[in-house]
Amino acid sequence: MMRFAIPLAIFLALAAMLGMGLQRDPRNLPSALLEQPAPEIDRPILGQLDPPGRRLMLKDMQGQIWLLNVWASWCAPCRQELPTLQAMSQRDGVPVYGLNYKDQPEKALALLRVAGNPYVSSAIDIDGRVGLDFGIQGVPETFVIDARGIVRMRHLGPVTPEIWRDKLMPAIKALR
């Protein structure tokens, strides 16, 4: 009887830990970047309208409250959030910059032509290096960055009208 007690106790402890872990919302994971300066962005800009060689740089956004949305054409939730980002950012006057993460520029441009382009500019991050600096855990992710370049909020998952209204806009209004 005792020879089964220890393995049974270990199994029950592991099952309890797994059960507790499954009840957590992965979107609530804190970001190490909160209240820290945003990592440097110095990447080519996606699109044919910009002059060749033009780059998106963090210093270009200094002095404004803005959103960085990390997205990719291969990401279904990213496709779903593009119309919301476009409508809400235009309505509320919030500049949204994109970071096209580990994607093919041709496919990213094709998606923006079909689904709408909410971005002031979108940087190309083919190798994911900037995404790595931001601690990206998945796409889409959205960061609220203040006028001094400090990361104030991170949202993991697609931006819905409810997320915009209840989470992002209150944070943005508090910074204005």
Foldseek 3Di string as FASTA:
>chain_A
DVVVPVVVVVVVVVVVVVVVVVPDDPQPDDFPQAQHFQDWFWFCWQDDVDPPPDTDTLVVQAQAKAKEWEEELVDVQRLVQQVVLQVVCVVVVHAYEYEHALYDSVSVVVSCVVSNHNHPIYGYHNVCPSVVSRVDPDPTKMFTAGNRRGTNDIGHTGDDNCCVVPPVVVSNVVRD
